[in-house]
N, C-alpha and C. Protein backbone atom coordinates (compact mmCIF):
# COMPACT_ATOMS: atom_id res chain seq x y z
N MET A 1 41.81 -27.64 -83.59
CA MET A 1 42.65 -26.93 -82.76
C MET A 1 42.29 -25.45 -82.80
N GLY A 2 42.49 -24.41 -81.76
CA GLY A 2 42.52 -23.01 -82.08
C GLY A 2 43.79 -22.52 -82.40
N PRO A 3 44.20 -21.21 -82.12
CA PRO A 3 45.38 -20.46 -82.46
C PRO A 3 46.57 -21.31 -81.69
N ALA A 4 47.68 -20.80 -81.93
CA ALA A 4 48.79 -21.45 -81.66
C ALA A 4 48.85 -21.46 -79.85
N GLY A 5 49.18 -22.58 -79.29
CA GLY A 5 49.26 -22.59 -77.55
C GLY A 5 48.01 -22.72 -76.89
N ILE A 6 47.04 -22.61 -77.54
CA ILE A 6 45.56 -22.70 -76.85
C ILE A 6 45.21 -24.28 -77.38
N THR A 7 44.98 -24.70 -76.10
CA THR A 7 44.50 -26.17 -76.03
C THR A 7 43.19 -26.62 -75.78
N THR A 8 42.81 -25.91 -74.53
CA THR A 8 41.81 -25.96 -73.94
C THR A 8 40.29 -25.26 -74.20
N PRO A 9 39.36 -25.65 -74.11
CA PRO A 9 37.97 -24.75 -74.69
C PRO A 9 37.65 -23.75 -73.82
N LEU A 10 38.77 -23.71 -72.48
CA LEU A 10 38.48 -22.12 -71.63
C LEU A 10 39.50 -21.48 -72.03
N GLN A 11 40.44 -21.55 -72.55
CA GLN A 11 41.52 -20.99 -73.29
C GLN A 11 41.13 -20.24 -74.51
N ILE A 12 40.46 -21.02 -75.42
CA ILE A 12 39.94 -20.50 -76.53
C ILE A 12 38.84 -19.28 -76.42
N LEU A 13 38.25 -19.34 -74.79
CA LEU A 13 36.82 -18.47 -74.79
C LEU A 13 37.77 -17.09 -74.14
N GLU A 14 38.76 -17.61 -73.64
CA GLU A 14 39.48 -16.25 -72.56
C GLU A 14 40.25 -15.57 -74.16
N HIS A 15 40.72 -16.61 -75.12
CA HIS A 15 41.71 -15.66 -76.16
C HIS A 15 40.40 -14.70 -77.01
N PHE A 16 39.08 -15.08 -77.26
CA PHE A 16 38.14 -14.40 -77.90
C PHE A 16 37.53 -13.59 -77.42
N ASN A 17 37.30 -13.60 -76.11
CA ASN A 17 36.78 -12.78 -75.21
C ASN A 17 37.62 -11.36 -74.71
N ARG A 18 38.94 -11.23 -75.13
CA ARG A 18 39.87 -10.57 -74.25
C ARG A 18 39.93 -9.21 -75.44
N THR A 19 40.33 -7.89 -74.95
CA THR A 19 40.26 -6.92 -75.72
C THR A 19 41.66 -6.87 -76.58
N PRO A 20 41.81 -6.82 -77.69
CA PRO A 20 42.86 -7.09 -78.67
C PRO A 20 44.02 -5.62 -78.29
N THR A 21 45.31 -5.74 -77.94
CA THR A 21 46.00 -4.59 -78.28
C THR A 21 46.31 -3.90 -79.42
N ILE A 22 46.75 -2.67 -79.34
CA ILE A 22 46.48 -1.63 -80.47
C ILE A 22 47.71 -2.63 -81.42
N ASP A 23 48.79 -2.99 -81.08
CA ASP A 23 49.73 -3.77 -82.21
C ASP A 23 49.00 -4.81 -82.56
N GLU A 24 48.15 -5.52 -81.99
CA GLU A 24 47.67 -6.65 -82.79
C GLU A 24 46.26 -5.96 -83.70
N ASN A 25 45.88 -5.15 -83.40
CA ASN A 25 44.54 -4.28 -84.20
C ASN A 25 45.85 -3.92 -85.47
N LEU A 26 46.89 -3.27 -85.45
CA LEU A 26 47.33 -2.45 -86.76
C LEU A 26 48.04 -3.69 -87.04
N ALA A 27 48.47 -4.89 -86.67
CA ALA A 27 49.41 -6.06 -87.35
C ALA A 27 48.84 -6.30 -88.79
N HIS A 28 47.63 -6.45 -89.09
CA HIS A 28 46.67 -6.62 -90.66
C HIS A 28 47.35 -5.63 -91.37
N LYS A 29 47.22 -4.24 -91.24
CA LYS A 29 47.19 -3.60 -91.81
C LYS A 29 48.70 -3.04 -92.21
N GLU A 30 48.78 -2.62 -93.65
CA GLU A 30 50.04 -2.13 -94.16
C GLU A 30 50.31 -0.73 -93.48
N THR A 31 51.50 -0.21 -93.48
CA THR A 31 52.19 0.75 -92.92
C THR A 31 51.65 2.06 -94.26
N PRO A 32 51.35 3.16 -94.13
CA PRO A 32 50.32 3.91 -94.84
C PRO A 32 51.59 4.62 -95.66
N MET A 33 51.49 4.94 -97.04
CA MET A 33 52.47 5.28 -97.98
C MET A 33 52.64 6.89 -97.34
N PRO A 34 53.69 7.59 -97.82
CA PRO A 34 54.04 9.30 -97.28
C PRO A 34 53.49 9.65 -98.36
N ARG A 35 52.54 10.62 -97.70
CA ARG A 35 51.45 11.49 -98.81
C ARG A 35 52.42 12.79 -99.28
N GLY A 36 52.18 12.93 -100.65
CA GLY A 36 52.79 14.26 -100.66
C GLY A 36 52.22 15.68 -100.26
N LYS A 37 52.47 16.87 -100.99
CA LYS A 37 52.01 18.19 -100.40
C LYS A 37 50.66 18.10 -100.32
N LYS A 38 49.94 18.47 -99.41
CA LYS A 38 48.62 18.85 -99.46
C LYS A 38 48.16 20.22 -100.01
N ARG A 39 47.48 19.77 -101.20
CA ARG A 39 47.05 21.21 -101.87
C ARG A 39 45.91 21.92 -101.13
N ASN A 40 45.63 23.36 -101.10
CA ASN A 40 44.30 23.84 -100.55
C ASN A 40 43.66 24.26 -101.61
N LYS A 41 42.57 23.61 -101.92
CA LYS A 41 41.80 23.54 -103.39
C LYS A 41 40.82 24.99 -103.21
N SER A 42 40.62 25.05 -102.11
CA SER A 42 39.90 26.74 -102.22
C SER A 42 40.67 27.70 -102.25
N GLN A 43 42.27 27.86 -101.89
CA GLN A 43 43.46 28.99 -102.41
C GLN A 43 43.32 28.73 -103.30
N ALA A 44 43.26 27.65 -104.28
CA ALA A 44 43.36 27.12 -105.74
C ALA A 44 42.65 28.21 -106.44
N VAL A 45 41.30 27.83 -105.85
CA VAL A 45 39.69 28.42 -106.58
C VAL A 45 40.37 30.08 -106.19
N ARG A 46 40.59 30.46 -105.44
CA ARG A 46 40.39 31.76 -105.08
C ARG A 46 41.39 32.51 -105.70
N ASP A 47 42.89 32.05 -106.16
CA ASP A 47 44.10 32.36 -107.12
C ASP A 47 43.61 32.47 -108.73
N VAL A 48 42.76 31.35 -109.21
CA VAL A 48 42.28 31.25 -110.27
C VAL A 48 40.96 32.59 -110.48
N LEU A 49 40.40 32.72 -109.60
CA LEU A 49 39.24 33.78 -109.97
C LEU A 49 40.00 35.16 -109.36
N THR A 50 40.82 35.23 -108.95
CA THR A 50 41.84 36.56 -109.10
C THR A 50 42.47 36.81 -110.09
N ALA A 51 43.07 36.00 -110.53
CA ALA A 51 43.64 36.07 -112.08
C ALA A 51 42.57 36.55 -113.10
N LYS A 52 41.49 35.83 -113.03
CA LYS A 52 40.06 36.05 -113.95
C LYS A 52 39.07 35.88 -113.62
N PRO A 53 38.44 36.76 -112.64
CA PRO A 53 37.06 36.96 -112.17
C PRO A 53 36.23 36.59 -113.27
N ASP A 54 36.34 36.81 -114.34
CA ASP A 54 35.06 36.70 -115.17
C ASP A 54 34.98 35.53 -115.61
N MET A 55 35.79 34.42 -115.05
CA MET A 55 35.67 33.19 -115.65
C MET A 55 34.15 32.38 -114.90
N THR A 56 33.77 31.61 -115.34
CA THR A 56 32.47 30.69 -115.08
C THR A 56 33.07 29.45 -114.11
N THR A 57 32.41 29.15 -113.30
CA THR A 57 32.90 27.96 -112.25
C THR A 57 33.34 26.88 -113.10
N LYS A 58 32.12 26.68 -114.33
CA LYS A 58 32.77 25.31 -115.18
C LYS A 58 34.40 25.42 -115.60
N GLU A 59 34.86 26.75 -116.24
CA GLU A 59 36.07 26.93 -116.54
C GLU A 59 36.74 26.77 -115.34
N VAL A 60 36.62 27.44 -114.09
CA VAL A 60 37.56 27.36 -112.82
C VAL A 60 38.05 25.73 -113.06
N VAL A 61 36.60 25.10 -112.40
CA VAL A 61 36.73 23.59 -112.37
C VAL A 61 37.85 23.19 -113.51
N ALA A 62 37.22 23.23 -114.80
CA ALA A 62 38.31 22.46 -115.87
C ALA A 62 39.64 23.08 -115.86
N ALA A 63 40.06 24.36 -115.84
CA ALA A 63 41.32 25.02 -115.44
C ALA A 63 42.06 24.08 -114.31
N LEU A 64 41.13 23.88 -113.10
CA LEU A 64 42.02 23.27 -111.91
C LEU A 64 42.14 21.72 -112.35
N ALA A 65 41.30 21.14 -112.88
CA ALA A 65 41.34 19.58 -113.59
C ALA A 65 42.99 19.69 -114.36
N ASP A 66 42.94 20.76 -115.11
CA ASP A 66 44.08 20.52 -115.92
C ASP A 66 45.57 20.51 -115.25
N LYS A 67 45.34 21.54 -114.31
CA LYS A 67 46.46 21.26 -113.10
C LYS A 67 46.56 20.21 -112.20
N GLY A 68 45.53 19.21 -112.29
CA GLY A 68 45.35 17.85 -111.38
C GLY A 68 44.59 17.78 -110.28
N LEU A 69 44.03 19.01 -110.17
CA LEU A 69 43.44 19.53 -108.82
C LEU A 69 41.81 18.85 -109.06
N ASN A 70 41.30 17.88 -108.21
CA ASN A 70 39.83 17.39 -108.36
C ASN A 70 39.00 18.35 -107.82
N VAL A 71 38.47 19.44 -108.06
CA VAL A 71 37.71 20.35 -107.58
C VAL A 71 36.31 20.10 -107.64
N LYS A 72 35.40 20.07 -106.99
CA LYS A 72 33.78 20.14 -107.22
C LYS A 72 33.35 21.46 -107.53
N PRO A 73 32.42 21.39 -108.36
CA PRO A 73 31.51 22.52 -108.85
C PRO A 73 31.05 23.82 -107.61
N ASN A 74 30.61 22.86 -106.56
CA ASN A 74 29.90 23.03 -105.81
C ASN A 74 30.89 24.10 -104.78
N LEU A 75 32.03 23.63 -104.81
CA LEU A 75 33.41 24.61 -104.07
C LEU A 75 33.49 25.36 -104.87
N GLY A 76 33.40 25.50 -105.62
CA GLY A 76 33.77 26.64 -106.79
C GLY A 76 32.64 27.81 -106.67
N TYR A 77 31.59 27.44 -106.56
CA TYR A 77 30.31 28.18 -106.28
C TYR A 77 30.65 29.19 -105.00
N PHE A 78 30.96 28.34 -104.12
CA PHE A 78 30.75 28.61 -102.81
C PHE A 78 32.17 29.65 -102.68
N ILE A 79 33.22 29.39 -102.83
CA ILE A 79 34.49 30.62 -103.23
C ILE A 79 33.81 31.96 -103.94
N LYS A 80 33.68 31.53 -104.95
CA LYS A 80 33.11 32.44 -105.60
C LYS A 80 32.10 33.59 -104.90
N GLY A 81 31.29 32.80 -104.51
CA GLY A 81 29.95 33.21 -103.61
C GLY A 81 30.81 34.50 -102.57
N LYS A 82 31.84 34.03 -101.82
CA LYS A 82 32.66 34.17 -100.47
C LYS A 82 33.13 35.34 -101.38
N MET A 83 34.14 35.45 -102.27
CA MET A 83 34.31 36.56 -102.86
C MET A 83 33.72 37.76 -103.01
N LYS A 84 32.72 37.48 -103.94
CA LYS A 84 31.60 38.11 -104.08
C LYS A 84 31.16 39.12 -102.94
N ALA A 85 30.78 38.36 -102.24
CA ALA A 85 30.35 38.99 -100.93
C ALA A 85 31.29 40.08 -100.00
N ARG A 86 32.26 39.45 -99.90
CA ARG A 86 33.60 40.59 -99.33
C ARG A 86 33.95 41.57 -100.03
N THR A 87 34.12 41.70 -101.44
CA THR A 87 33.89 42.84 -102.69
C THR A 87 32.78 43.63 -101.97
N GLN A 88 31.36 43.32 -102.05
CA GLN A 88 29.96 44.08 -101.81
C GLN A 88 30.29 44.71 -100.34
N ARG A 89 31.09 44.14 -99.49
CA ARG A 89 31.15 44.10 -98.22
C ARG A 89 32.00 45.49 -97.94
N ARG A 90 33.47 45.45 -99.10
CA ARG A 90 33.88 46.20 -98.86
C ARG A 90 33.47 47.72 -99.46
N LYS A 91 32.76 47.54 -100.63
CA LYS A 91 32.71 48.64 -101.11
C LYS A 91 31.11 49.50 -100.36
N ARG A 92 30.45 48.52 -99.83
CA ARG A 92 29.56 49.31 -98.40
C ARG A 92 30.22 50.30 -97.76
N VAL A 93 31.39 49.44 -96.99
CA VAL A 93 32.22 50.31 -96.15
C VAL A 93 32.71 51.56 -96.68
N VAL A 94 33.39 51.53 -97.76
CA VAL A 94 33.79 52.76 -98.36
C VAL A 94 32.56 53.66 -98.79
N ARG A 95 31.48 53.38 -99.30
CA ARG A 95 30.04 54.30 -99.33
C ARG A 95 29.81 54.88 -98.34
N ALA A 96 29.39 53.97 -96.95
CA ALA A 96 29.47 54.36 -95.80
C ALA A 96 30.28 55.83 -95.22
N ALA A 97 31.35 55.36 -95.76
CA ALA A 97 32.56 56.21 -95.31
C ALA A 97 32.50 57.85 -96.07
N GLN A 98 32.17 57.34 -97.08
CA GLN A 98 32.10 58.67 -98.18
C GLN A 98 31.01 59.52 -97.61
N ALA A 99 29.62 58.64 -97.30
CA ALA A 99 28.58 59.50 -96.77
C ALA A 99 28.70 60.18 -95.46
N ALA A 100 29.47 59.68 -94.78
CA ALA A 100 29.90 60.20 -93.56
C ALA A 100 30.75 61.25 -93.33
N SER A 101 31.51 61.37 -94.30
CA SER A 101 32.56 62.69 -94.86
C SER A 101 31.74 63.58 -95.61
N ALA A 102 31.20 63.38 -96.47
CA ALA A 102 30.22 64.31 -96.92
C ALA A 102 29.20 65.35 -95.93
N ASN A 103 28.43 64.54 -95.23
CA ASN A 103 27.81 65.16 -94.43
C ASN A 103 28.78 65.84 -93.54
N GLY A 104 30.19 65.36 -93.24
CA GLY A 104 30.37 65.98 -92.42
C GLY A 104 30.65 65.95 -90.45
N ASP A 105 31.17 66.12 -89.94
CA ASP A 105 31.13 66.13 -88.31
C ASP A 105 30.26 67.64 -88.31
N PRO A 106 29.37 67.43 -87.48
CA PRO A 106 28.57 68.75 -87.07
C PRO A 106 29.00 70.18 -86.76
N VAL A 107 30.25 69.63 -86.03
CA VAL A 107 31.16 70.64 -85.45
C VAL A 107 31.99 71.16 -86.53
N THR A 108 32.34 70.66 -87.12
CA THR A 108 33.16 71.14 -88.12
C THR A 108 32.22 71.83 -89.29
N LEU A 109 30.90 71.35 -89.30
CA LEU A 109 30.02 72.42 -90.61
C LEU A 109 29.96 73.58 -89.94
N ILE A 110 29.50 73.51 -88.57
CA ILE A 110 29.47 74.99 -87.90
C ILE A 110 30.49 75.94 -87.97
N ARG A 111 31.73 75.33 -87.91
CA ARG A 111 32.71 76.19 -88.23
C ARG A 111 32.96 76.56 -89.26
N GLU A 112 32.78 76.03 -90.28
CA GLU A 112 32.79 76.11 -91.62
C GLU A 112 31.53 77.56 -91.85
N VAL A 113 30.24 77.12 -91.23
CA VAL A 113 29.34 78.33 -91.52
C VAL A 113 29.92 79.89 -90.98
N LYS A 114 30.48 79.55 -89.82
CA LYS A 114 30.85 80.62 -88.85
C LYS A 114 31.78 81.53 -89.99
N VAL A 115 32.81 80.67 -90.50
CA VAL A 115 33.49 81.43 -91.54
C VAL A 115 33.10 81.95 -92.47
N LEU A 116 32.32 81.38 -92.93
CA LEU A 116 31.47 81.53 -94.17
C LEU A 116 30.83 83.06 -93.98
N ALA A 117 29.95 82.95 -92.79
CA ALA A 117 29.31 84.17 -92.39
C ALA A 117 30.38 85.08 -92.26
N GLY A 118 31.60 84.92 -91.63
CA GLY A 118 32.62 86.13 -91.48
C GLY A 118 32.86 87.09 -93.26
N ARG A 119 33.06 85.76 -93.83
CA ARG A 119 33.31 86.37 -95.25
C ARG A 119 32.19 87.30 -95.99
N ALA A 120 31.02 87.04 -95.56
CA ALA A 120 30.00 87.50 -96.06
C ALA A 120 29.34 88.78 -95.46
N GLY A 121 29.87 89.11 -94.49
CA GLY A 121 29.91 90.29 -93.80
C GLY A 121 29.11 90.30 -92.58
N GLY A 122 28.70 88.69 -91.95
CA GLY A 122 28.29 88.52 -90.58
C GLY A 122 26.94 87.69 -90.93
N ILE A 123 26.31 87.14 -89.71
CA ILE A 123 25.24 86.13 -89.81
C ILE A 123 23.73 86.64 -90.68
N GLY A 124 23.55 88.11 -90.26
CA GLY A 124 22.43 88.70 -91.22
C GLY A 124 22.63 88.57 -92.56
N LYS A 125 23.53 89.10 -93.00
CA LYS A 125 24.11 88.91 -94.66
C LYS A 125 23.85 87.61 -95.24
N LEU A 126 24.56 86.60 -94.20
CA LEU A 126 24.59 85.29 -94.90
C LEU A 126 22.88 84.88 -94.97
N THR A 127 21.71 84.81 -94.06
CA THR A 127 20.42 85.01 -93.74
C THR A 127 20.11 85.31 -95.13
N GLU A 128 20.38 86.59 -95.36
CA GLU A 128 19.90 87.00 -96.37
C GLU A 128 20.46 86.66 -98.09
N LEU A 129 21.47 86.22 -97.97
CA LEU A 129 22.19 85.67 -99.02
C LEU A 129 21.27 84.11 -99.38
N VAL A 130 21.34 83.23 -98.25
CA VAL A 130 20.54 82.09 -98.17
C VAL A 130 19.16 82.14 -98.34
N GLU A 131 18.30 83.37 -98.44
CA GLU A 131 17.15 83.40 -98.52
C GLU A 131 16.80 83.88 -100.28
N ALA A 132 18.12 84.71 -100.80
CA ALA A 132 17.96 84.62 -101.68
C ALA A 132 18.01 84.02 -102.90
N LEU A 133 19.19 82.91 -102.30
CA LEU A 133 19.36 81.87 -103.00
C LEU A 133 17.82 80.39 -102.91
N ALA A 134 17.46 80.67 -101.78
CA ALA A 134 16.18 79.87 -101.98
C ALA A 134 15.00 80.08 -102.99
N GLU A 135 15.07 81.49 -103.15
CA GLU A 135 13.91 81.73 -104.30
C GLU A 135 14.13 81.49 -105.82
């Protein structure tokens, strides 16, 4: 005999050909245990590297393993590379800003030359001073 309440071969075929309901699919599964607070492994790697930037990746993985976080070395290398790229990008922006301020705005530079020419006694005197410096 088949499952309870099924007696004819036609009922058996209908029973096995139908789509089971969601409750029937989940009936055999246990309810999942509530999980603890989820930890962000990437942030943990960043925190360790921020505290001690000269640590190697193996040391970072070992330190996080002591804290109970299972971090793969690939994640350590990836985060370390991204942090290094971020600092290099910041340095590049700072250098570009310094270069722009060193050359300055052309209008500001012209105004400063005009003030300097006034202090030197005119444009003619300033050109004589520049030619004397060029020699």
